[in-house]
N, C-alpha and C. Protein backbone atom coordinates (compact mmCIF):
# COMPACT_ATOMS: atom_id res chain seq x y z
N UNK A 1 0.82 -1.22 0.03
CA UNK A 1 -0.05 -0.02 -0.05
C UNK A 1 0.91 1.31 -0.01
N UNK A 2 0.58 2.16 -0.90
CA UNK A 2 1.34 3.44 -0.94
C UNK A 2 1.06 4.22 0.36
N UNK A 3 2.09 5.08 0.69
CA UNK A 3 1.88 5.89 1.93
C UNK A 3 0.56 6.75 1.75
N UNK A 4 0.26 7.30 0.62
CA UNK A 4 -0.85 8.15 0.42
C UNK A 4 -2.15 7.36 0.71
N UNK A 5 -2.19 6.06 0.09
CA UNK A 5 -3.35 5.17 0.33
C UNK A 5 -3.43 4.84 1.74
N UNK A 6 -2.36 4.59 2.44
CA UNK A 6 -2.30 4.30 3.85
C UNK A 6 -2.81 5.37 4.75
N UNK A 7 -2.49 6.64 4.43
CA UNK A 7 -3.05 7.77 5.06
C UNK A 7 -4.36 8.05 4.85
N UNK A 8 -4.91 7.81 3.60
CA UNK A 8 -6.41 7.90 3.37
C UNK A 8 -7.14 6.92 4.14
N UNK A 9 -6.62 5.69 4.19
CA UNK A 9 -7.20 4.69 5.09
C UNK A 9 -7.36 5.03 6.51
N UNK A 10 -6.23 5.62 6.99
CA UNK A 10 -6.23 5.96 8.43
C UNK A 10 -7.16 7.26 8.69
N UNK A 11 -7.35 8.04 7.84
CA UNK A 11 -8.27 9.15 7.96
C UNK A 11 -9.71 8.66 7.97
N UNK A 12 -9.98 7.63 7.09
CA UNK A 12 -11.26 7.08 7.07
C UNK A 12 -11.54 6.25 8.32
N UNK A 13 -10.55 5.64 8.89
CA UNK A 13 -10.71 4.87 10.17
C UNK A 13 -10.97 5.82 11.29
N UNK A 14 -10.19 6.84 11.25
CA UNK A 14 -10.38 7.90 12.36
C UNK A 14 -11.85 8.54 12.26
N UNK A 15 -12.24 8.75 11.05
CA UNK A 15 -13.54 9.46 10.82
C UNK A 15 -14.58 8.39 11.29
N UNK A 16 -14.46 7.12 10.92
CA UNK A 16 -15.41 6.10 11.53
C UNK A 16 -15.37 6.11 13.03
N UNK A 17 -14.19 6.15 13.60
CA UNK A 17 -14.21 6.10 15.06
C UNK A 17 -14.89 7.41 15.74
N UNK A 18 -14.62 8.58 15.06
CA UNK A 18 -15.25 9.80 15.56
C UNK A 18 -16.79 9.72 15.52
N UNK A 19 -17.23 9.04 14.35
CA UNK A 19 -18.76 8.94 14.24
C UNK A 19 -19.40 7.85 15.30
N UNK A 20 -18.62 7.24 16.09
CA UNK A 20 -19.16 6.45 17.09
C UNK A 20 -19.49 7.18 18.40
N UNK A 21 -19.41 8.54 18.18
CA UNK A 21 -19.69 9.43 19.33
C UNK A 21 -21.02 9.20 19.91
N UNK A 22 -21.17 9.14 21.21
CA UNK A 22 -22.46 9.14 21.91
C UNK A 22 -22.39 9.88 23.24
N UNK A 23 -23.51 10.20 23.76
CA UNK A 23 -23.55 10.90 25.06
C UNK A 23 -23.52 9.81 26.13
N UNK A 24 -22.57 9.77 26.93
CA UNK A 24 -22.34 8.81 28.05
C UNK A 24 -23.07 9.38 29.30
N UNK A 25 -24.34 8.98 29.49
CA UNK A 25 -25.20 9.56 30.64
C UNK A 25 -24.62 9.35 31.97
N UNK A 26 -23.94 8.15 32.19
CA UNK A 26 -23.33 7.77 33.44
C UNK A 26 -22.21 8.74 33.89
N UNK A 27 -21.44 9.18 32.82
CA UNK A 27 -20.31 10.12 33.18
C UNK A 27 -20.64 11.52 32.75
N UNK A 28 -21.79 11.75 32.05
CA UNK A 28 -22.18 13.13 31.65
C UNK A 28 -21.24 13.84 30.78
N UNK A 29 -20.88 13.00 29.72
CA UNK A 29 -19.93 13.57 28.61
C UNK A 29 -20.02 12.76 27.37
N UNK A 30 -19.42 13.32 26.28
CA UNK A 30 -19.34 12.71 25.01
C UNK A 30 -18.35 11.56 25.13
N UNK A 31 -18.65 10.42 24.45
CA UNK A 31 -17.68 9.36 24.54
C UNK A 31 -17.67 8.66 23.15
N UNK A 32 -16.87 7.67 23.04
CA UNK A 32 -16.77 6.99 21.77
C UNK A 32 -16.62 5.47 22.01
N UNK A 33 -16.99 4.74 20.89
CA UNK A 33 -16.66 3.30 20.80
C UNK A 33 -15.83 2.98 19.67
N UNK A 34 -14.58 3.41 19.78
CA UNK A 34 -13.63 3.30 18.63
C UNK A 34 -13.03 1.91 18.45
N UNK A 35 -12.64 1.64 17.21
CA UNK A 35 -11.93 0.42 16.82
C UNK A 35 -10.39 0.66 16.54
N UNK A 36 -10.06 1.88 16.14
CA UNK A 36 -8.75 2.14 15.65
C UNK A 36 -7.96 3.15 16.51
N UNK A 37 -8.53 4.27 16.95
CA UNK A 37 -7.88 5.37 17.51
C UNK A 37 -8.50 5.62 18.90
N UNK A 38 -7.64 6.18 19.83
CA UNK A 38 -8.13 6.67 21.09
C UNK A 38 -8.68 8.02 20.92
N UNK A 39 -9.86 8.10 20.54
CA UNK A 39 -10.42 9.48 20.15
C UNK A 39 -10.48 10.42 21.36
N UNK A 40 -10.78 9.95 22.61
CA UNK A 40 -10.80 10.79 23.61
C UNK A 40 -9.44 11.33 23.91
N UNK A 41 -8.35 10.60 23.69
CA UNK A 41 -7.05 11.12 23.83
C UNK A 41 -6.68 12.21 22.82
N UNK A 42 -7.06 11.91 21.56
CA UNK A 42 -6.84 12.95 20.52
C UNK A 42 -7.57 14.14 20.78
N UNK A 43 -8.84 14.07 21.24
CA UNK A 43 -9.63 15.29 21.51
C UNK A 43 -8.82 16.18 22.53
N UNK A 44 -8.37 15.52 23.60
CA UNK A 44 -7.72 16.27 24.66
C UNK A 44 -6.36 16.76 24.26
N UNK A 45 -5.57 15.93 23.57
CA UNK A 45 -4.22 16.28 23.24
C UNK A 45 -4.22 17.44 22.22
N UNK A 46 -5.12 17.49 21.34
CA UNK A 46 -5.22 18.57 20.23
C UNK A 46 -6.27 19.57 20.57
N UNK A 47 -6.76 19.59 21.78
CA UNK A 47 -7.85 20.57 22.10
C UNK A 47 -8.89 20.72 21.11
N UNK A 48 -9.60 19.67 20.71
CA UNK A 48 -10.59 19.66 19.64
C UNK A 48 -11.96 19.98 20.22
N UNK A 49 -12.80 20.59 19.42
CA UNK A 49 -14.24 20.83 19.88
C UNK A 49 -15.13 19.62 19.37
N UNK A 50 -15.50 18.73 20.19
CA UNK A 50 -16.29 17.59 19.79
C UNK A 50 -17.64 17.98 19.39
N UNK A 51 -18.10 19.10 19.82
CA UNK A 51 -19.48 19.54 19.48
C UNK A 51 -19.62 20.34 18.11
N UNK A 52 -18.43 20.60 17.61
CA UNK A 52 -18.36 21.20 16.25
C UNK A 52 -18.93 20.31 15.20
N UNK A 53 -19.90 20.67 14.44
CA UNK A 53 -20.36 19.72 13.30
C UNK A 53 -19.28 19.29 12.30
N UNK A 54 -18.27 20.09 12.21
CA UNK A 54 -17.18 19.75 11.31
C UNK A 54 -16.22 18.68 11.86
N UNK A 55 -16.35 18.49 13.12
CA UNK A 55 -15.56 17.45 13.79
C UNK A 55 -15.79 16.03 13.28
N UNK A 56 -16.99 15.73 12.69
CA UNK A 56 -17.37 14.47 12.25
C UNK A 56 -17.22 14.39 10.73
N UNK A 57 -16.36 15.23 10.06
CA UNK A 57 -16.17 15.15 8.68
C UNK A 57 -14.82 14.47 8.44
N UNK A 58 -14.82 13.88 7.18
CA UNK A 58 -13.49 13.37 6.66
C UNK A 58 -12.45 14.37 6.63
N UNK A 59 -12.73 15.47 6.21
CA UNK A 59 -11.76 16.54 6.04
C UNK A 59 -11.13 16.81 7.46
N UNK A 60 -11.87 16.89 8.48
CA UNK A 60 -11.31 17.13 9.91
C UNK A 60 -10.39 15.96 10.23
N UNK A 61 -10.85 14.73 9.92
CA UNK A 61 -10.04 13.58 10.31
C UNK A 61 -8.72 13.53 9.49
N UNK A 62 -8.85 14.03 8.24
CA UNK A 62 -7.58 14.10 7.44
C UNK A 62 -6.64 15.09 8.09
N UNK A 63 -7.11 16.28 8.53
CA UNK A 63 -6.32 17.27 9.15
C UNK A 63 -5.83 16.71 10.38
N UNK A 64 -6.49 16.03 11.31
CA UNK A 64 -5.92 15.42 12.42
C UNK A 64 -4.85 14.52 12.23
N UNK A 65 -4.89 13.61 11.27
CA UNK A 65 -3.89 12.83 10.77
C UNK A 65 -2.56 13.59 10.56
N UNK A 66 -2.66 14.71 9.80
CA UNK A 66 -1.54 15.51 9.49
C UNK A 66 -0.98 16.18 10.79
N UNK A 67 -1.84 16.61 11.66
CA UNK A 67 -1.44 17.27 12.92
C UNK A 67 -0.65 16.33 13.79
N UNK A 68 -1.21 15.05 13.99
CA UNK A 68 -0.44 14.10 14.68
C UNK A 68 0.94 13.94 14.27
N UNK A 69 1.15 13.99 12.84
CA UNK A 69 2.56 13.94 12.35
C UNK A 69 3.33 15.16 12.47
N UNK A 70 2.73 16.22 13.08
CA UNK A 70 3.48 17.48 13.19
C UNK A 70 3.40 18.40 12.09
N UNK A 71 2.51 18.15 11.17
CA UNK A 71 2.26 19.01 10.00
C UNK A 71 1.16 19.93 10.10
N UNK A 72 1.08 20.90 9.26
CA UNK A 72 -0.02 21.90 9.39
C UNK A 72 -1.24 21.56 8.69
N UNK A 73 -1.22 20.74 7.68
CA UNK A 73 -2.42 20.39 6.97
C UNK A 73 -2.34 19.02 6.25
N UNK A 74 -3.48 18.49 5.83
CA UNK A 74 -3.56 17.37 5.03
C UNK A 74 -2.70 17.52 3.72
N UNK A 75 -2.99 18.81 3.08
CA UNK A 75 -2.30 19.03 1.90
C UNK A 75 -0.84 19.06 1.93
N UNK A 76 -0.26 19.49 3.04
CA UNK A 76 1.20 19.32 3.27
C UNK A 76 1.63 17.87 3.30
N UNK A 77 0.79 17.03 3.96
CA UNK A 77 1.12 15.61 3.98
C UNK A 77 1.17 14.91 2.64
N UNK A 78 0.08 15.05 1.90
CA UNK A 78 -0.07 14.40 0.62
C UNK A 78 0.84 14.90 -0.49
N UNK A 79 1.32 16.08 -0.29
CA UNK A 79 2.28 16.68 -1.26
C UNK A 79 3.69 16.55 -0.84
N UNK A 80 4.04 15.81 0.19
CA UNK A 80 5.40 15.55 0.71
C UNK A 80 6.17 14.65 -0.39
N UNK A 81 7.54 14.71 -0.29
CA UNK A 81 8.29 14.00 -1.13
C UNK A 81 8.18 12.53 -0.60
N UNK A 82 8.49 11.54 -1.59
CA UNK A 82 8.34 10.12 -1.30
C UNK A 82 9.15 9.65 -0.07
N UNK A 83 10.35 10.18 0.20
CA UNK A 83 11.13 9.71 1.34
C UNK A 83 10.40 10.25 2.63
N UNK A 84 9.93 11.43 2.69
CA UNK A 84 9.17 11.96 3.90
C UNK A 84 7.97 11.16 3.97
N UNK A 85 7.25 10.81 3.04
CA UNK A 85 6.04 10.03 3.20
C UNK A 85 6.33 8.72 3.80
N UNK A 86 7.35 8.10 3.33
CA UNK A 86 7.79 6.73 3.97
C UNK A 86 8.22 6.90 5.44
N UNK A 87 8.86 8.06 5.78
CA UNK A 87 9.12 8.29 7.20
C UNK A 87 7.82 8.51 7.93
N UNK A 88 6.91 9.37 7.44
CA UNK A 88 5.63 9.64 8.10
C UNK A 88 4.92 8.34 8.32
N UNK A 89 4.88 7.45 7.30
CA UNK A 89 4.11 6.22 7.48
C UNK A 89 4.75 5.31 8.53
N UNK A 90 6.02 5.20 8.73
CA UNK A 90 6.68 4.50 9.74
C UNK A 90 6.43 5.06 11.01
N UNK A 91 6.47 6.52 11.10
CA UNK A 91 6.29 7.16 12.34
C UNK A 91 4.80 6.92 12.89
N UNK A 92 3.83 6.99 11.94
CA UNK A 92 2.46 6.75 12.26
C UNK A 92 2.20 5.31 12.76
N UNK A 93 2.72 4.42 11.97
CA UNK A 93 2.58 2.94 12.33
C UNK A 93 3.13 2.55 13.64
N UNK A 94 4.24 3.27 13.96
CA UNK A 94 5.00 2.87 15.22
C UNK A 94 4.84 3.97 16.31
N UNK A 95 3.74 4.76 16.30
CA UNK A 95 3.53 5.81 17.20
C UNK A 95 3.47 5.34 18.67
N UNK A 96 2.94 4.03 18.82
CA UNK A 96 2.84 3.63 20.25
C UNK A 96 4.23 3.12 20.75
N UNK A 97 5.17 2.90 19.90
CA UNK A 97 6.54 2.58 20.32
C UNK A 97 7.44 3.84 20.47
N UNK A 98 7.44 4.65 19.52
CA UNK A 98 8.08 5.97 19.57
C UNK A 98 6.98 6.96 19.28
N UNK A 99 6.69 7.60 20.46
CA UNK A 99 5.47 8.47 20.54
C UNK A 99 5.61 9.85 19.93
N UNK A 100 4.47 10.49 19.48
CA UNK A 100 4.53 11.80 18.88
C UNK A 100 5.24 12.80 19.66
N UNK A 101 5.13 12.76 20.96
CA UNK A 101 5.78 13.76 21.79
C UNK A 101 7.31 13.51 21.77
N UNK A 102 7.80 12.43 21.34
CA UNK A 102 9.29 12.22 21.24
C UNK A 102 9.83 12.60 19.91
N UNK A 103 8.94 12.80 18.86
CA UNK A 103 9.45 12.96 17.57
C UNK A 103 10.15 14.39 17.38
N UNK A 104 9.69 15.43 18.00
CA UNK A 104 10.29 16.68 17.91
C UNK A 104 11.81 16.67 18.20
N UNK A 105 12.24 16.00 19.25
CA UNK A 105 13.57 15.95 19.75
C UNK A 105 14.38 14.84 19.19
N UNK A 106 13.77 13.89 18.48
CA UNK A 106 14.35 12.57 17.99
C UNK A 106 15.52 13.00 16.99
N UNK A 107 15.42 13.91 16.24
CA UNK A 107 16.32 14.08 15.07
C UNK A 107 17.50 15.11 15.49
N UNK A 108 17.59 15.38 16.75
CA UNK A 108 18.64 16.18 17.36
C UNK A 108 19.50 15.35 18.08
N UNK A 109 20.73 15.11 17.72
CA UNK A 109 21.67 14.01 18.33
C UNK A 109 22.79 14.65 19.02
N UNK A 110 23.06 14.26 20.20
CA UNK A 110 24.28 14.72 20.92
C UNK A 110 25.26 13.62 20.82
N UNK A 111 26.47 13.83 20.37
CA UNK A 111 27.55 12.91 20.15
C UNK A 111 28.28 12.69 21.67
N UNK A 112 29.10 11.75 21.68
CA UNK A 112 29.80 11.36 22.97
C UNK A 112 30.75 12.64 23.20
N UNK A 113 31.11 13.35 22.22
CA UNK A 113 31.98 14.52 22.47
C UNK A 113 31.26 15.80 22.85
N UNK A 114 29.94 15.74 22.85
CA UNK A 114 29.12 16.79 23.13
C UNK A 114 28.66 17.59 21.98
N UNK A 115 29.07 17.28 20.82
CA UNK A 115 28.64 17.92 19.64
C UNK A 115 27.11 17.61 19.32
N UNK A 116 26.43 18.61 18.70
CA UNK A 116 24.98 18.47 18.42
C UNK A 116 24.92 18.31 16.91
N UNK A 117 24.24 17.24 16.39
CA UNK A 117 24.01 17.03 15.07
C UNK A 117 22.49 17.06 14.84
N UNK A 118 21.96 17.98 13.92
CA UNK A 118 20.53 18.05 13.61
C UNK A 118 20.38 17.39 12.28
N UNK A 119 19.62 16.36 12.26
CA UNK A 119 19.20 15.73 10.98
C UNK A 119 18.15 16.49 10.30
N UNK A 120 18.42 17.03 9.09
CA UNK A 120 17.45 17.95 8.40
C UNK A 120 16.91 17.22 7.21
N UNK A 121 17.74 16.44 6.56
CA UNK A 121 17.29 15.82 5.31
C UNK A 121 16.30 14.57 5.64
N UNK A 122 15.38 14.42 4.80
CA UNK A 122 14.33 13.40 4.91
C UNK A 122 15.07 12.05 4.92
N UNK A 123 15.99 11.83 4.07
CA UNK A 123 16.73 10.51 4.01
C UNK A 123 17.47 10.24 5.32
N UNK A 124 18.04 11.21 5.81
CA UNK A 124 18.72 11.10 7.15
C UNK A 124 17.84 10.72 8.25
N UNK A 125 16.63 11.41 8.22
CA UNK A 125 15.65 11.18 9.29
C UNK A 125 15.08 9.74 9.21
N UNK A 126 14.91 9.37 7.95
CA UNK A 126 14.26 7.96 7.68
C UNK A 126 15.25 6.88 8.13
N UNK A 127 16.49 6.97 7.81
CA UNK A 127 17.47 5.98 8.22
C UNK A 127 17.75 6.03 9.76
N UNK A 128 17.71 7.19 10.33
CA UNK A 128 17.89 7.21 11.79
C UNK A 128 16.60 6.67 12.53
N UNK A 129 15.44 6.88 12.02
CA UNK A 129 14.21 6.41 12.52
C UNK A 129 14.22 4.82 12.50
N UNK A 130 14.53 4.33 11.31
CA UNK A 130 14.64 2.91 11.11
C UNK A 130 15.62 2.32 12.19
N UNK A 131 16.68 2.95 12.40
CA UNK A 131 17.70 2.44 13.41
C UNK A 131 17.14 2.44 14.76
N UNK A 132 16.37 3.53 15.05
CA UNK A 132 15.73 3.55 16.35
C UNK A 132 14.78 2.38 16.57
N UNK A 133 13.93 2.13 15.52
CA UNK A 133 13.03 1.04 15.64
C UNK A 133 13.70 -0.30 15.85
N UNK A 134 14.78 -0.52 15.15
CA UNK A 134 15.60 -1.73 15.27
C UNK A 134 16.16 -1.76 16.81
N UNK A 135 16.66 -0.71 17.28
CA UNK A 135 17.07 -0.64 18.69
C UNK A 135 16.06 -0.98 19.69
N UNK A 136 14.82 -0.69 19.39
CA UNK A 136 13.70 -0.99 20.31
C UNK A 136 13.58 -2.48 20.41
N UNK A 137 13.94 -3.27 19.41
CA UNK A 137 13.84 -4.74 19.50
C UNK A 137 14.82 -5.35 20.48
N UNK A 138 15.88 -4.63 20.85
CA UNK A 138 16.97 -5.16 21.77
C UNK A 138 16.33 -5.37 23.21
N UNK A 139 16.75 -6.50 23.86
CA UNK A 139 16.19 -6.66 25.15
C UNK A 139 16.42 -5.61 26.16
N UNK A 140 17.58 -4.85 25.97
CA UNK A 140 17.90 -3.85 26.93
C UNK A 140 17.26 -2.46 26.65
N UNK A 141 16.51 -2.42 25.66
CA UNK A 141 15.85 -1.07 25.12
C UNK A 141 14.87 -0.63 26.07
N UNK A 142 14.87 0.64 26.33
CA UNK A 142 13.84 1.23 27.26
C UNK A 142 12.55 1.57 26.51
N UNK A 143 11.38 1.08 26.98
CA UNK A 143 10.10 1.35 26.30
C UNK A 143 9.85 2.90 26.42
N UNK A 144 9.04 3.37 25.53
CA UNK A 144 8.63 4.78 25.62
C UNK A 144 7.75 4.96 26.78
N UNK A 145 7.91 6.14 27.37
CA UNK A 145 7.13 6.50 28.60
C UNK A 145 5.78 7.20 28.11
N UNK A 146 5.66 7.58 26.83
CA UNK A 146 4.48 8.27 26.42
C UNK A 146 3.47 7.24 25.81
N UNK A 147 2.67 7.72 25.03
CA UNK A 147 1.72 6.81 24.31
C UNK A 147 1.22 7.43 22.95
N UNK A 148 0.93 6.69 22.03
CA UNK A 148 0.49 7.13 20.75
C UNK A 148 -1.02 7.27 20.86
N UNK A 149 -1.63 7.38 19.65
CA UNK A 149 -3.15 7.61 19.59
C UNK A 149 -3.82 6.24 19.02
N UNK A 150 -3.06 5.24 18.71
CA UNK A 150 -3.60 4.10 18.05
C UNK A 150 -4.04 3.16 19.19
N UNK A 151 -5.19 2.51 18.98
CA UNK A 151 -5.65 1.44 19.80
C UNK A 151 -4.87 0.06 19.57
N UNK A 152 -4.65 -0.73 20.58
CA UNK A 152 -4.05 -2.01 20.25
C UNK A 152 -4.97 -2.85 19.45
N UNK A 153 -4.46 -3.55 18.48
CA UNK A 153 -5.22 -4.33 17.44
C UNK A 153 -5.93 -5.53 18.17
N UNK A 154 -7.12 -5.80 17.92
CA UNK A 154 -7.84 -6.81 18.35
C UNK A 154 -7.38 -8.12 17.95
N UNK A 155 -7.47 -9.22 18.72
CA UNK A 155 -7.00 -10.53 18.32
C UNK A 155 -7.97 -11.17 17.29
N UNK A 156 -9.23 -10.66 17.23
CA UNK A 156 -10.22 -11.25 16.35
C UNK A 156 -9.87 -10.92 14.90
N UNK A 157 -9.48 -12.00 14.03
CA UNK A 157 -9.02 -11.69 12.73
C UNK A 157 -10.01 -10.92 11.94
N UNK A 158 -11.33 -11.01 12.22
CA UNK A 158 -12.36 -10.29 11.42
C UNK A 158 -12.17 -8.81 11.66
N UNK A 159 -11.62 -8.32 12.68
CA UNK A 159 -11.45 -6.92 12.95
C UNK A 159 -10.11 -6.30 12.47
N UNK A 160 -9.18 -7.08 12.00
CA UNK A 160 -7.92 -6.60 11.49
C UNK A 160 -7.81 -6.57 10.00
């Protein structure tokens, strides 16, 4: 699946999850019955207005996907170069392992000598990110202290 097709699917999945909105009388608040995303967490993290009619549109879901990736708009995402799109796809897929709040500082590296290296090129960032994912597989690796916005996949094969 191409990165663009992947992000379109994620936006549709997020939109489906948002549309599960219901009023939870027990807790006296809006709630969700999502399959893919932690919608409550997304609403709080990005200070979204759940009561806005535009909140339940595909366009808003697309914008949210872009914002999770640290971009300003869906348009910026879909017009990114192929290497950046590959990086964004990996970041999105693995956001529960390396969380969005870790991404900002991830590409600023301090060497043993105390020098600071800033990875600017998409190809450098992609290779470094892949290296970080490989490192997480090591038994000594420290798990992320944060969390992403994806729900854990169900074990029922019909849901995956």
